[in-house]
Each structure stands twice: as structure tokens, then as C-alpha cells.
Amino acid sequence: MSLQKACAAADIPASGALRVLLEGVPVAVVRDSEGGLHAIGDTCTHADVSLAEGEVDDCSIECWLHGSRFDLRTGRPTSLPAIRPVPVYSLTLDGDDVLVDVTTTINAGDTAAKES
């Protein structure tokens, strides 16, 4: 695992996202409606635009351009027009530091970290 600092947890808006670039990989670090943190690929698989600019609702993010929604835990699209998932990356909190590993993707159930 190759964790690197993406941002400070305090930098992520409530129920919103922050775009970061890690090793040349665009990542959306997202705070869901319940305060959980997620790291997903920041590029919509339908229109090649930043997902971090979209709206977060519960545990999904909506692409601002055409309305595709993606589950933050699995990366799977939950509404059209997107049909391919976005990658989900391992996220760890170290104090206020948000650490993300973009070298491998992970499965559902391991993607959210709650702030303590």
C-alpha cells in the first residue's frame, strides 16, 4: 500500500468533494451526507469531467454535466448515462490528514472512513 497525503479533512466541505491530483491521478475526496470520507476517481466515465464539482447526496455523487450518479462505496453508476464505474481508492485518516492510495482499487465495504 502506498498511502500519500491528499488533503486535510477540514478542507473537505460538508456533504461535498475536493479534487486532488496524486501521482498524476485525479481523485475526488468526498464527504458523504453522514460524514464518511471516500476517495474515488475524479473523472466521470461518461463525459470526462470532474466529479468533485457535482453534488453529493447520501452516499453518491452526481456528475454536474449530464446527471450520472456514482455510488461512493463501489464506484458503480446508479443512473444513466454513465455505464462504467469509477475507481474507488483506499482512504485512511491520520489525525486530520487524509491519506489515499491510488496504486490499487478496493472493493465495496472498505472504502469509507468515519471521522473520529
PDB file of N, CA and C in Angstrom:
ATOM      1  N   MET A   1       0.848  -1.178   0.000  1.00  0.00           N
ATOM      2  CA  MET A   1       0.000   0.000   0.000  1.00  0.00           C
ATOM      3  C   MET A   1       0.889   1.236   0.000  1.00  0.00           C
ATOM      4  N   SER A   2       0.527   2.198  -0.814  1.00  0.00           N
ATOM      5  CA  SER A   2       1.309   3.416  -0.965  1.00  0.00           C
ATOM      6  C   SER A   2       0.440   4.625  -0.639  1.00  0.00           C
ATOM      7  N   LEU A   3       0.240   4.855   0.653  1.00  0.00           N
ATOM      8  CA  LEU A   3      -0.590   5.981   1.078  1.00  0.00           C
ATOM      9  C   LEU A   3       0.173   7.283   0.936  1.00  0.00           C
ATOM     10  N   GLN A   4      -0.531   8.318   0.493  1.00  0.00           N
ATOM     11  CA  GLN A   4       0.058   9.651   0.449  1.00  0.00           C
ATOM     12  C   GLN A   4      -0.987  10.676   0.859  1.00  0.00           C
ATOM     13  N   LYS A   5      -0.510  11.792   1.399  1.00  0.00           N
ATOM     14  CA  LYS A   5      -1.439  12.816   1.870  1.00  0.00           C
ATOM     15  C   LYS A   5      -2.155  13.448   0.688  1.00  0.00           C
ATOM     16  N   ALA A   6      -3.486  13.424   0.765  1.00  0.00           N
ATOM     17  CA  ALA A   6      -4.319  14.039  -0.265  1.00  0.00           C
ATOM     18  C   ALA A   6      -4.722  15.457   0.136  1.00  0.00           C
ATOM     19  N   CYS A   7      -5.069  15.625   1.421  1.00  0.00           N
ATOM     20  CA  CYS A   7      -5.544  16.910   1.916  1.00  0.00           C
ATOM     21  C   CYS A   7      -5.745  16.793   3.425  1.00  0.00           C
ATOM     22  N   ALA A   8      -6.223  17.852   4.022  1.00  0.00           N
ATOM     23  CA  ALA A   8      -6.664  17.817   5.413  1.00  0.00           C
ATOM     24  C   ALA A   8      -8.161  17.556   5.416  1.00  0.00           C
ATOM     25  N   ALA A   9      -8.633  16.799   6.372  1.00  0.00           N
ATOM     26  CA  ALA A   9     -10.066  16.506   6.456  1.00  0.00           C
ATOM     27  C   ALA A   9     -10.881  17.792   6.554  1.00  0.00           C
ATOM     28  N   ALA A  10     -10.325  18.793   7.210  1.00  0.00           N
ATOM     29  CA  ALA A  10     -11.021  20.067   7.369  1.00  0.00           C
ATOM     30  C   ALA A  10     -11.218  20.786   6.030  1.00  0.00           C
ATOM     31  N   ASP A  11     -10.445  20.422   5.005  1.00  0.00           N
ATOM     32  CA  ASP A  11     -10.562  21.061   3.692  1.00  0.00           C
ATOM     33  C   ASP A  11     -11.749  20.558   2.875  1.00  0.00           C
ATOM     34  N   ILE A  12     -12.316  19.412   3.274  1.00  0.00           N
ATOM     35  CA  ILE A  12     -13.413  18.801   2.512  1.00  0.00           C
ATOM     36  C   ILE A  12     -14.732  19.379   3.007  1.00  0.00           C
ATOM     37  N   PRO A  13     -15.521  19.949   2.103  1.00  0.00           N
ATOM     38  CA  PRO A  13     -16.786  20.546   2.549  1.00  0.00           C
ATOM     39  C   PRO A  13     -17.759  19.505   3.105  1.00  0.00           C
ATOM     40  N   ALA A  14     -18.655  19.980   3.961  1.00  0.00           N
ATOM     41  CA  ALA A  14     -19.709  19.104   4.477  1.00  0.00           C
ATOM     42  C   ALA A  14     -20.556  18.649   3.297  1.00  0.00           C
ATOM     43  N   SER A  15     -20.743  17.327   3.168  1.00  0.00           N
ATOM     44  CA  SER A  15     -21.502  16.751   2.069  1.00  0.00           C
ATOM     45  C   SER A  15     -21.064  17.345   0.731  1.00  0.00           C
ATOM     46  N   GLY A  16     -19.759  17.212   0.471  1.00  0.00           N
ATOM     47  CA  GLY A  16     -19.186  17.754  -0.750  1.00  0.00           C
ATOM     48  C   GLY A  16     -17.886  17.068  -1.097  1.00  0.00           C
ATOM     49  N   ALA A  17     -17.167  17.599  -2.079  1.00  0.00           N
ATOM     50  CA  ALA A  17     -15.957  16.947  -2.577  1.00  0.00           C
ATOM     51  C   ALA A  17     -14.851  17.953  -2.838  1.00  0.00           C
ATOM     52  N   LEU A  18     -13.633  17.436  -2.845  1.00  0.00           N
ATOM     53  CA  LEU A  18     -12.439  18.208  -3.139  1.00  0.00           C
ATOM     54  C   LEU A  18     -11.622  17.438  -4.165  1.00  0.00           C
ATOM     55  N   ARG A  19     -11.197  18.095  -5.232  1.00  0.00           N
ATOM     56  CA  ARG A  19     -10.375  17.452  -6.260  1.00  0.00           C
ATOM     57  C   ARG A  19      -8.912  17.598  -5.884  1.00  0.00           C
ATOM     58  N   VAL A  20      -8.178  16.471  -5.939  1.00  0.00           N
ATOM     59  CA  VAL A  20      -6.737  16.471  -5.712  1.00  0.00           C
ATOM     60  C   VAL A  20      -6.083  15.651  -6.818  1.00  0.00           C
ATOM     61  N   LEU A  21      -4.798  15.873  -7.027  1.00  0.00           N
ATOM     62  CA  LEU A  21      -4.037  15.121  -8.010  1.00  0.00           C
ATOM     63  C   LEU A  21      -2.934  14.377  -7.262  1.00  0.00           C
ATOM     64  N   LEU A  22      -2.953  13.042  -7.334  1.00  0.00           N
ATOM     65  CA  LEU A  22      -1.970  12.210  -6.655  1.00  0.00           C
ATOM     66  C   LEU A  22      -1.267  11.328  -7.681  1.00  0.00           C
ATOM     67  N   GLU A  23       0.031  11.484  -7.815  1.00  0.00           N
ATOM     68  CA  GLU A  23       0.806  10.720  -8.795  1.00  0.00           C
ATOM     69  C   GLU A  23       0.203  10.838 -10.198  1.00  0.00           C
ATOM     70  N   GLY A  24      -0.305  12.020 -10.516  1.00  0.00           N
ATOM     71  CA  GLY A  24      -0.910  12.253 -11.824  1.00  0.00           C
ATOM     72  C   GLY A  24      -2.327  11.731 -11.964  1.00  0.00           C
ATOM     73  N   VAL A  25      -2.888  11.178 -10.890  1.00  0.00           N
ATOM     74  CA  VAL A  25      -4.238  10.612 -10.912  1.00  0.00           C
ATOM     75  C   VAL A  25      -5.214  11.605 -10.284  1.00  0.00           C
ATOM     76  N   PRO A  26      -6.239  12.054 -11.036  1.00  0.00           N
ATOM     77  CA  PRO A  26      -7.247  12.926 -10.435  1.00  0.00           C
ATOM     78  C   PRO A  26      -8.160  12.131  -9.498  1.00  0.00           C
ATOM     79  N   VAL A  27      -8.287  12.627  -8.265  1.00  0.00           N
ATOM     80  CA  VAL A  27      -9.068  11.942  -7.228  1.00  0.00           C
ATOM     81  C   VAL A  27     -10.057  12.936  -6.628  1.00  0.00           C
ATOM     82  N   ALA A  28     -11.285  12.473  -6.409  1.00  0.00           N
ATOM     83  CA  ALA A  28     -12.270  13.254  -5.659  1.00  0.00           C
ATOM     84  C   ALA A  28     -12.302  12.682  -4.246  1.00  0.00           C
ATOM     85  N   VAL A  29     -11.946  13.505  -3.272  1.00  0.00           N
ATOM     86  CA  VAL A  29     -12.073  13.122  -1.867  1.00  0.00           C
ATOM     87  C   VAL A  29     -13.415  13.685  -1.423  1.00  0.00           C
ATOM     88  N   VAL A  30     -14.314  12.790  -1.016  1.00  0.00           N
ATOM     89  CA  VAL A  30     -15.718  13.157  -0.824  1.00  0.00           C
ATOM     90  C   VAL A  30     -16.166  12.889   0.606  1.00  0.00           C
ATOM     91  N   ARG A  31     -16.901  13.847   1.164  1.00  0.00           N
ATOM     92  CA  ARG A  31     -17.564  13.657   2.463  1.00  0.00           C
ATOM     93  C   ARG A  31     -19.040  13.412   2.162  1.00  0.00           C
ATOM     94  N   ASP A  32     -19.535  12.224   2.557  1.00  0.00           N
ATOM     95  CA  ASP A  32     -20.939  11.910   2.287  1.00  0.00           C
ATOM     96  C   ASP A  32     -21.849  12.594   3.294  1.00  0.00           C
ATOM     97  N   SER A  33     -23.144  12.413   3.151  1.00  0.00           N
ATOM     98  CA  SER A  33     -24.134  13.085   3.985  1.00  0.00           C
ATOM     99  C   SER A  33     -24.041  12.716   5.461  1.00  0.00           C
ATOM    100  N   GLU A  34     -23.424  11.557   5.757  1.00  0.00           N
ATOM    101  CA  GLU A  34     -23.281  11.133   7.154  1.00  0.00           C
ATOM    102  C   GLU A  34     -21.895  11.434   7.718  1.00  0.00           C
ATOM    103  N   GLY A  35     -21.048  12.108   6.939  1.00  0.00           N
ATOM    104  CA  GLY A  35     -19.718  12.473   7.409  1.00  0.00           C
ATOM    105  C   GLY A  35     -18.617  11.498   7.040  1.00  0.00           C
ATOM    106  N   GLY A  36     -18.959  10.395   6.371  1.00  0.00           N
ATOM    107  CA  GLY A  36     -17.951   9.434   5.944  1.00  0.00           C
ATOM    108  C   GLY A  36     -17.110   9.997   4.812  1.00  0.00           C
ATOM    109  N   LEU A  37     -15.846   9.596   4.764  1.00  0.00           N
ATOM    110  CA  LEU A  37     -14.941  10.061   3.719  1.00  0.00           C
ATOM    111  C   LEU A  37     -14.676   8.949   2.722  1.00  0.00           C
ATOM    112  N   HIS A  38     -14.577   9.331   1.446  1.00  0.00           N
ATOM    113  CA  HIS A  38     -14.365   8.386   0.357  1.00  0.00           C
ATOM    114  C   HIS A  38     -13.375   8.993  -0.628  1.00  0.00           C
ATOM    115  N   ALA A  39     -12.656   8.140  -1.333  1.00  0.00           N
ATOM    116  CA  ALA A  39     -11.762   8.589  -2.408  1.00  0.00           C
ATOM    117  C   ALA A  39     -12.124   7.810  -3.667  1.00  0.00           C
ATOM    118  N   ILE A  40     -12.512   8.533  -4.701  1.00  0.00           N
ATOM    119  CA  ILE A  40     -12.892   7.900  -5.972  1.00  0.00           C
ATOM    120  C   ILE A  40     -12.174   8.611  -7.111  1.00  0.00           C
ATOM    121  N   GLY A  41     -12.110   7.958  -8.266  1.00  0.00           N
ATOM    122  CA  GLY A  41     -11.590   8.619  -9.451  1.00  0.00           C
ATOM    123  C   GLY A  41     -12.422   9.851  -9.744  1.00  0.00           C
ATOM    124  N   ASP A  42     -11.767  10.954 -10.060  1.00  0.00           N
ATOM    125  CA  ASP A  42     -12.484  12.220 -10.213  1.00  0.00           C
ATOM    126  C   ASP A  42     -13.037  12.448 -11.616  1.00  0.00           C
ATOM    127  N   THR A  43     -12.898  11.508 -12.505  1.00  0.00           N
ATOM    128  CA  THR A  43     -13.344  11.720 -13.876  1.00  0.00           C
ATOM    129  C   THR A  43     -14.579  10.875 -14.180  1.00  0.00           C
ATOM    130  N   CYS A  44     -15.669  11.536 -14.562  1.00  0.00           N
ATOM    131  CA  CYS A  44     -16.890  10.832 -14.941  1.00  0.00           C
ATOM    132  C   CYS A  44     -16.587   9.925 -16.131  1.00  0.00           C
ATOM    133  N   THR A  45     -17.061   8.702 -16.072  1.00  0.00           N
ATOM    134  CA  THR A  45     -16.793   7.749 -17.143  1.00  0.00           C
ATOM    135  C   THR A  45     -17.667   7.982 -18.376  1.00  0.00           C
ATOM    136  N   HIS A  46     -18.615   8.879 -18.273  1.00  0.00           N
ATOM    137  CA  HIS A  46     -19.456   9.193 -19.430  1.00  0.00           C
ATOM    138  C   HIS A  46     -18.931  10.406 -20.195  1.00  0.00           C
ATOM    139  N   ALA A  47     -18.568  11.475 -19.467  1.00  0.00           N
ATOM    140  CA  ALA A  47     -18.291  12.728 -20.154  1.00  0.00           C
ATOM    141  C   ALA A  47     -16.909  13.311 -19.882  1.00  0.00           C
ATOM    142  N   ASP A  48     -16.059  12.620 -19.137  1.00  0.00           N
ATOM    143  CA  ASP A  48     -14.693  13.072 -18.905  1.00  0.00           C
ATOM    144  C   ASP A  48     -14.645  14.455 -18.255  1.00  0.00           C
ATOM    145  N   VAL A  49     -15.469  14.664 -17.223  1.00  0.00           N
ATOM    146  CA  VAL A  49     -15.458  15.910 -16.455  1.00  0.00           C
ATOM    147  C   VAL A  49     -15.272  15.577 -14.974  1.00  0.00           C
ATOM    148  N   SER A  50     -14.909  16.571 -14.188  1.00  0.00           N
ATOM    149  CA  SER A  50     -14.634  16.378 -12.766  1.00  0.00           C
ATOM    150  C   SER A  50     -15.904  16.076 -11.978  1.00  0.00           C
ATOM    151  N   LEU A  51     -15.864  14.962 -11.246  1.00  0.00           N
ATOM    152  CA  LEU A  51     -16.991  14.631 -10.369  1.00  0.00           C
ATOM    153  C   LEU A  51     -16.992  15.486  -9.104  1.00  0.00           C
ATOM    154  N   ALA A  52     -15.832  15.992  -8.708  1.00  0.00           N
ATOM    155  CA  ALA A  52     -15.752  16.799  -7.488  1.00  0.00           C
ATOM    156  C   ALA A  52     -16.600  18.062  -7.580  1.00  0.00           C
ATOM    157  N   GLU A  53     -16.952  18.457  -8.789  1.00  0.00           N
ATOM    158  CA  GLU A  53     -17.792  19.640  -8.973  1.00  0.00           C
ATOM    159  C   GLU A  53     -19.280  19.315  -8.863  1.00  0.00           C
ATOM    160  N   GLY A  54     -19.607  18.029  -8.701  1.00  0.00           N
ATOM    161  CA  GLY A  54     -21.000  17.615  -8.624  1.00  0.00           C
ATOM    162  C   GLY A  54     -21.549  17.662  -7.210  1.00  0.00           C
ATOM    163  N   GLU A  55     -22.815  17.304  -7.088  1.00  0.00           N
ATOM    164  CA  GLU A  55     -23.482  17.317  -5.789  1.00  0.00           C
ATOM    165  C   GLU A  55     -23.418  15.950  -5.135  1.00  0.00           C
ATOM    166  N   VAL A  56     -23.240  15.965  -3.810  1.00  0.00           N
ATOM    167  CA  VAL A  56     -23.218  14.739  -3.016  1.00  0.00           C
ATOM    168  C   VAL A  56     -24.568  14.599  -2.335  1.00  0.00           C
ATOM    169  N   ASP A  57     -25.138  13.403  -2.417  1.00  0.00           N
ATOM    170  CA  ASP A  57     -26.411  13.114  -1.766  1.00  0.00           C
ATOM    171  C   ASP A  57     -26.309  11.730  -1.161  1.00  0.00           C
ATOM    172  N   ASP A  58     -26.494  11.635   0.140  1.00  0.00           N
ATOM    173  CA  ASP A  58     -26.320  10.381   0.868  1.00  0.00           C
ATOM    174  C   ASP A  58     -24.933   9.825   0.572  1.00  0.00           C
ATOM    175  N   CYS A  59     -24.849   8.676  -0.096  1.00  0.00           N
ATOM    176  CA  CYS A  59     -23.550   8.056  -0.372  1.00  0.00           C
ATOM    177  C   CYS A  59     -23.296   7.967  -1.881  1.00  0.00           C
ATOM    178  N   SER A  60     -23.698   9.038  -2.593  1.00  0.00           N
ATOM    179  CA  SER A  60     -23.458   9.077  -4.037  1.00  0.00           C
ATOM    180  C   SER A  60     -23.074  10.493  -4.446  1.00  0.00           C
ATOM    181  N   ILE A  61     -22.466  10.567  -5.626  1.00  0.00           N
ATOM    182  CA  ILE A  61     -22.110  11.865  -6.190  1.00  0.00           C
ATOM    183  C   ILE A  61     -22.674  11.928  -7.602  1.00  0.00           C
ATOM    184  N   GLU A  62     -23.185  13.105  -7.947  1.00  0.00           N
ATOM    185  CA  GLU A  62     -23.801  13.302  -9.259  1.00  0.00           C
ATOM    186  C   GLU A  62     -22.892  14.146 -10.143  1.00  0.00           C
ATOM    187  N   CYS A  63     -22.657  13.684 -11.353  1.00  0.00           N
ATOM    188  CA  CYS A  63     -21.891  14.451 -12.322  1.00  0.00           C
ATOM    189  C   CYS A  63     -22.702  15.686 -12.707  1.00  0.00           C
ATOM    190  N   TRP A  64     -22.055  16.830 -12.668  1.00  0.00           N
ATOM    191  CA  TRP A  64     -22.755  18.089 -12.923  1.00  0.00           C
ATOM    192  C   TRP A  64     -23.172  18.274 -14.387  1.00  0.00           C
ATOM    193  N   LEU A  65     -22.540  17.540 -15.305  1.00  0.00           N
ATOM    194  CA  LEU A  65     -22.808  17.797 -16.714  1.00  0.00           C
ATOM    195  C   LEU A  65     -24.064  17.091 -17.240  1.00  0.00           C
ATOM    196  N   HIS A  66     -24.163  15.777 -17.024  1.00  0.00           N
ATOM    197  CA  HIS A  66     -25.300  15.027 -17.568  1.00  0.00           C
ATOM    198  C   HIS A  66     -26.100  14.275 -16.519  1.00  0.00           C
ATOM    199  N   GLY A  67     -25.723  14.376 -15.245  1.00  0.00           N
ATOM    200  CA  GLY A  67     -26.533  13.785 -14.185  1.00  0.00           C
ATOM    201  C   GLY A  67     -26.241  12.341 -13.828  1.00  0.00           C
ATOM    202  N   SER A  68     -25.171  11.756 -14.363  1.00  0.00           N
ATOM    203  CA  SER A  68     -24.815  10.393 -13.926  1.00  0.00           C
ATOM    204  C   SER A  68     -24.507  10.421 -12.439  1.00  0.00           C
ATOM    205  N   ARG A  69     -24.934   9.368 -11.726  1.00  0.00           N
ATOM    206  CA  ARG A  69     -24.656   9.266 -10.291  1.00  0.00           C
ATOM    207  C   ARG A  69     -23.780   8.048 -10.057  1.00  0.00           C
ATOM    208  N   PHE A  70     -22.868   8.162  -9.080  1.00  0.00           N
ATOM    209  CA  PHE A  70     -21.956   7.071  -8.748  1.00  0.00           C
ATOM    210  C   PHE A  70     -22.011   6.796  -7.254  1.00  0.00           C
ATOM    211  N   ASP A  71     -22.058   5.509  -6.895  1.00  0.00           N
ATOM    212  CA  ASP A  71     -22.019   5.087  -5.505  1.00  0.00           C
ATOM    213  C   ASP A  71     -20.603   5.303  -4.986  1.00  0.00           C
ATOM    214  N   LEU A  72     -20.451   6.018  -3.881  1.00  0.00           N
ATOM    215  CA  LEU A  72     -19.131   6.329  -3.343  1.00  0.00           C
ATOM    216  C   LEU A  72     -18.417   5.109  -2.774  1.00  0.00           C
ATOM    217  N   ARG A  73     -19.168   4.070  -2.413  1.00  0.00           N
ATOM    218  CA  ARG A  73     -18.555   2.867  -1.832  1.00  0.00           C
ATOM    219  C   ARG A  73     -18.044   1.904  -2.893  1.00  0.00           C
ATOM    220  N   THR A  74     -18.724   1.850  -4.025  1.00  0.00           N
ATOM    221  CA  THR A  74     -18.379   0.865  -5.053  1.00  0.00           C
ATOM    222  C   THR A  74     -17.861   1.487  -6.345  1.00  0.00           C
ATOM    223  N   GLY A  75     -18.165   2.750  -6.563  1.00  0.00           N
ATOM    224  CA  GLY A  75     -17.811   3.408  -7.808  1.00  0.00           C
ATOM    225  C   GLY A  75     -18.779   3.124  -8.941  1.00  0.00           C
ATOM    226  N   ARG A  76     -19.739   2.250  -8.701  1.00  0.00           N
ATOM    227  CA  ARG A  76     -20.688   1.863  -9.757  1.00  0.00           C
ATOM    228  C   ARG A  76     -21.668   3.002 -10.055  1.00  0.00           C
ATOM    229  N   PRO A  77     -21.991   3.165 -11.342  1.00  0.00           N
ATOM    230  CA  PRO A  77     -23.004   4.165 -11.684  1.00  0.00           C
ATOM    231  C   PRO A  77     -24.381   3.687 -11.225  1.00  0.00           C
ATOM    232  N   THR A  78     -25.163   4.609 -10.704  1.00  0.00           N
ATOM    233  CA  THR A  78     -26.506   4.263 -10.245  1.00  0.00           C
ATOM    234  C   THR A  78     -27.572   4.933 -11.110  1.00  0.00           C
ATOM    235  N   SER A  79     -27.130   5.738 -12.075  1.00  0.00           N
ATOM    236  CA  SER A  79     -28.066   6.322 -13.042  1.00  0.00           C
ATOM    237  C   SER A  79     -27.321   6.616 -14.339  1.00  0.00           C
ATOM    238  N   LEU A  80     -28.074   6.575 -15.413  1.00  0.00           N
ATOM    239  CA  LEU A  80     -27.524   6.846 -16.734  1.00  0.00           C
ATOM    240  C   LEU A  80     -27.244   8.346 -16.878  1.00  0.00           C
ATOM    241  N   PRO A  81     -26.396   8.740 -17.804  1.00  0.00           N
ATOM    242  CA  PRO A  81     -25.920   7.981 -18.944  1.00  0.00           C
ATOM    243  C   PRO A  81     -24.643   7.162 -18.694  1.00  0.00           C
ATOM    244  N   ALA A  82     -23.947   7.318 -17.583  1.00  0.00           N
ATOM    245  CA  ALA A  82     -22.730   6.531 -17.340  1.00  0.00           C
ATOM    246  C   ALA A  82     -23.085   5.060 -17.168  1.00  0.00           C
ATOM    247  N   ILE A  83     -22.255   4.191 -17.718  1.00  0.00           N
ATOM    248  CA  ILE A  83     -22.472   2.747 -17.555  1.00  0.00           C
ATOM    249  C   ILE A  83     -21.224   2.043 -16.996  1.00  0.00           C
ATOM    250  N   ARG A  84     -20.104   2.751 -16.942  1.00  0.00           N
ATOM    251  CA  ARG A  84     -18.872   2.178 -16.390  1.00  0.00           C
ATOM    252  C   ARG A  84     -18.574   2.794 -15.029  1.00  0.00           C
ATOM    253  N   PRO A  85     -18.055   2.006 -14.080  1.00  0.00           N
ATOM    254  CA  PRO A  85     -17.746   2.539 -12.754  1.00  0.00           C
ATOM    255  C   PRO A  85     -16.497   3.411 -12.755  1.00  0.00           C
ATOM    256  N   VAL A  86     -16.359   4.208 -11.712  1.00  0.00           N
ATOM    257  CA  VAL A  86     -15.127   4.947 -11.453  1.00  0.00           C
ATOM    258  C   VAL A  86     -14.339   4.165 -10.404  1.00  0.00           C
ATOM    259  N   PRO A  87     -13.010   4.293 -10.387  1.00  0.00           N
ATOM    260  CA  PRO A  87     -12.230   3.574  -9.380  1.00  0.00           C
ATOM    261  C   PRO A  87     -12.484   4.125  -7.979  1.00  0.00           C
ATOM    262  N   VAL A  88     -12.408   3.239  -6.998  1.00  0.00           N
ATOM    263  CA  VAL A  88     -12.501   3.598  -5.586  1.00  0.00           C
ATOM    264  C   VAL A  88     -11.158   3.265  -4.962  1.00  0.00           C
ATOM    265  N   TYR A  89     -10.612   4.213  -4.198  1.00  0.00           N
ATOM    266  CA  TYR A  89      -9.284   4.052  -3.615  1.00  0.00           C
ATOM    267  C   TYR A  89      -9.350   3.954  -2.096  1.00  0.00           C
ATOM    268  N   SER A  90      -8.351   3.311  -1.530  1.00  0.00           N
ATOM    269  CA  SER A  90      -8.233   3.185  -0.084  1.00  0.00           C
ATOM    270  C   SER A  90      -7.983   4.564   0.521  1.00  0.00           C
ATOM    271  N   LEU A  91      -8.709   4.858   1.597  1.00  0.00           N
ATOM    272  CA  LEU A  91      -8.581   6.136   2.296  1.00  0.00           C
ATOM    273  C   LEU A  91      -8.392   5.867   3.782  1.00  0.00           C
ATOM    274  N   THR A  92      -7.440   6.564   4.387  1.00  0.00           N
ATOM    275  CA  THR A  92      -7.152   6.429   5.816  1.00  0.00           C
ATOM    276  C   THR A  92      -7.023   7.818   6.418  1.00  0.00           C
ATOM    277  N   LEU A  93      -7.528   7.985   7.627  1.00  0.00           N
ATOM    278  CA  LEU A  93      -7.334   9.238   8.356  1.00  0.00           C
ATOM    279  C   LEU A  93      -6.179   9.062   9.330  1.00  0.00           C
ATOM    280  N   ASP A  94      -5.260  10.032   9.345  1.00  0.00           N
ATOM    281  CA  ASP A  94      -4.163  10.078  10.301  1.00  0.00           C
ATOM    282  C   ASP A  94      -4.240  11.452  10.947  1.00  0.00           C
ATOM    283  N   GLY A  95      -4.939  11.527  12.081  1.00  0.00           N
ATOM    284  CA  GLY A  95      -5.241  12.832  12.661  1.00  0.00           C
ATOM    285  C   GLY A  95      -6.186  13.550  11.719  1.00  0.00           C
ATOM    286  N   ASP A  96      -5.773  14.744  11.228  1.00  0.00           N
ATOM    287  CA  ASP A  96      -6.588  15.488  10.266  1.00  0.00           C
ATOM    288  C   ASP A  96      -6.142  15.224   8.823  1.00  0.00           C
ATOM    289  N   ASP A  97      -5.064  14.465   8.656  1.00  0.00           N
ATOM    290  CA  ASP A  97      -4.559  14.171   7.316  1.00  0.00           C
ATOM    291  C   ASP A  97      -5.373  13.056   6.661  1.00  0.00           C
ATOM    292  N   VAL A  98      -5.795  13.302   5.421  1.00  0.00           N
ATOM    293  CA  VAL A  98      -6.487  12.293   4.623  1.00  0.00           C
ATOM    294  C   VAL A  98      -5.434  11.654   3.717  1.00  0.00           C
ATOM    295  N   LEU A  99      -5.212  10.340   3.894  1.00  0.00           N
ATOM    296  CA  LEU A  99      -4.222   9.605   3.121  1.00  0.00           C
ATOM    297  C   LEU A  99      -4.939   8.696   2.141  1.00  0.00           C
ATOM    298  N   VAL A 100      -4.483   8.689   0.890  1.00  0.00           N
ATOM    299  CA  VAL A 100      -5.126   7.910  -0.163  1.00  0.00           C
ATOM    300  C   VAL A 100      -4.062   7.102  -0.896  1.00  0.00           C
ATOM    301  N   ASP A 101      -4.420   5.874  -1.271  1.00  0.00           N
ATOM    302  CA  ASP A 101      -3.562   5.002  -2.066  1.00  0.00           C
ATOM    303  C   ASP A 101      -4.168   4.869  -3.454  1.00  0.00           C
ATOM    304  N   VAL A 102      -3.519   5.470  -4.467  1.00  0.00           N
ATOM    305  CA  VAL A 102      -4.047   5.399  -5.829  1.00  0.00           C
ATOM    306  C   VAL A 102      -3.414   4.267  -6.637  1.00  0.00           C
ATOM    307  N   THR A 103      -2.590   3.451  -5.987  1.00  0.00           N
ATOM    308  CA  THR A 103      -1.919   2.382  -6.728  1.00  0.00           C
ATOM    309  C   THR A 103      -2.805   1.163  -6.932  1.00  0.00           C
ATOM    310  N   THR A 104      -3.837   0.999  -6.108  1.00  0.00           N
ATOM    311  CA  THR A 104      -4.771  -0.117  -6.272  1.00  0.00           C
ATOM    312  C   THR A 104      -6.181   0.353  -5.952  1.00  0.00           C
ATOM    313  N   THR A 105      -7.150  -0.289  -6.569  1.00  0.00           N
ATOM    314  CA  THR A 105      -8.542  -0.001  -6.240  1.00  0.00           C
ATOM    315  C   THR A 105      -9.023  -1.045  -5.239  1.00  0.00           C
ATOM    316  N   ILE A 106     -10.091  -0.718  -4.529  1.00  0.00           N
ATOM    317  CA  ILE A 106     -10.602  -1.615  -3.491  1.00  0.00           C
ATOM    318  C   ILE A 106     -12.066  -1.941  -3.719  1.00  0.00           C
ATOM    319  N   ASN A 107     -12.548  -2.948  -3.004  1.00  0.00           N
ATOM    320  CA  ASN A 107     -13.945  -3.394  -3.114  1.00  0.00           C
ATOM    321  C   ASN A 107     -14.837  -2.613  -2.172  1.00  0.00           C
ATOM    322  N   ALA A 108     -16.128  -2.716  -2.404  1.00  0.00           N
ATOM    323  CA  ALA A 108     -17.124  -2.088  -1.535  1.00  0.00           C
ATOM    324  C   ALA A 108     -16.965  -2.604  -0.120  1.00  0.00           C
ATOM    325  N   GLY A 109     -17.296  -1.755   0.826  1.00  0.00           N
ATOM    326  CA  GLY A 109     -17.225  -2.146   2.236  1.00  0.00           C
ATOM    327  C   GLY A 109     -15.934  -1.717   2.891  1.00  0.00           C
ATOM    328  N   ASP A 110     -14.913  -1.424   2.103  1.00  0.00           N
ATOM    329  CA  ASP A 110     -13.641  -0.994   2.657  1.00  0.00           C
ATOM    330  C   ASP A 110     -13.338   0.454   2.300  1.00  0.00           C
ATOM    331  N   THR A 111     -14.312   1.178   1.749  1.00  0.00           N
ATOM    332  CA  THR A 111     -14.000   2.461   1.143  1.00  0.00           C
ATOM    333  C   THR A 111     -14.291   3.665   2.012  1.00  0.00           C
ATOM    334  N   ALA A 112     -15.043   3.554   3.065  1.00  0.00           N
ATOM    335  CA  ALA A 112     -15.415   4.740   3.832  1.00  0.00           C
ATOM    336  C   ALA A 112     -14.691   4.768   5.166  1.00  0.00           C
ATOM    337  N   ALA A 113     -14.230   5.934   5.546  1.00  0.00           N
ATOM    338  CA  ALA A 113     -13.621   6.125   6.858  1.00  0.00           C
ATOM    339  C   ALA A 113     -14.429   7.194   7.570  1.00  0.00           C
ATOM    340  N   LYS A 114     -14.838   6.915   8.770  1.00  0.00           N
ATOM    341  CA  LYS A 114     -15.577   7.894   9.556  1.00  0.00           C
ATOM    342  C   LYS A 114     -14.587   8.729  10.352  1.00  0.00           C
ATOM    343  N   GLU A 115     -14.856  10.020  10.467  1.00  0.00           N
ATOM    344  CA  GLU A 115     -14.027  10.858  11.314  1.00  0.00           C
ATOM    345  C   GLU A 115     -14.320  10.497  12.756  1.00  0.00           C
ATOM    346  N   SER A 116     -13.269  10.506  13.563  1.00  0.00           N
ATOM    347  CA  SER A 116     -13.493  10.225  14.981  1.00  0.00           C
ATOM    348  C   SER A 116     -13.467  11.477  15.785  1.00  0.00           C
TER     349      SER A 116
END
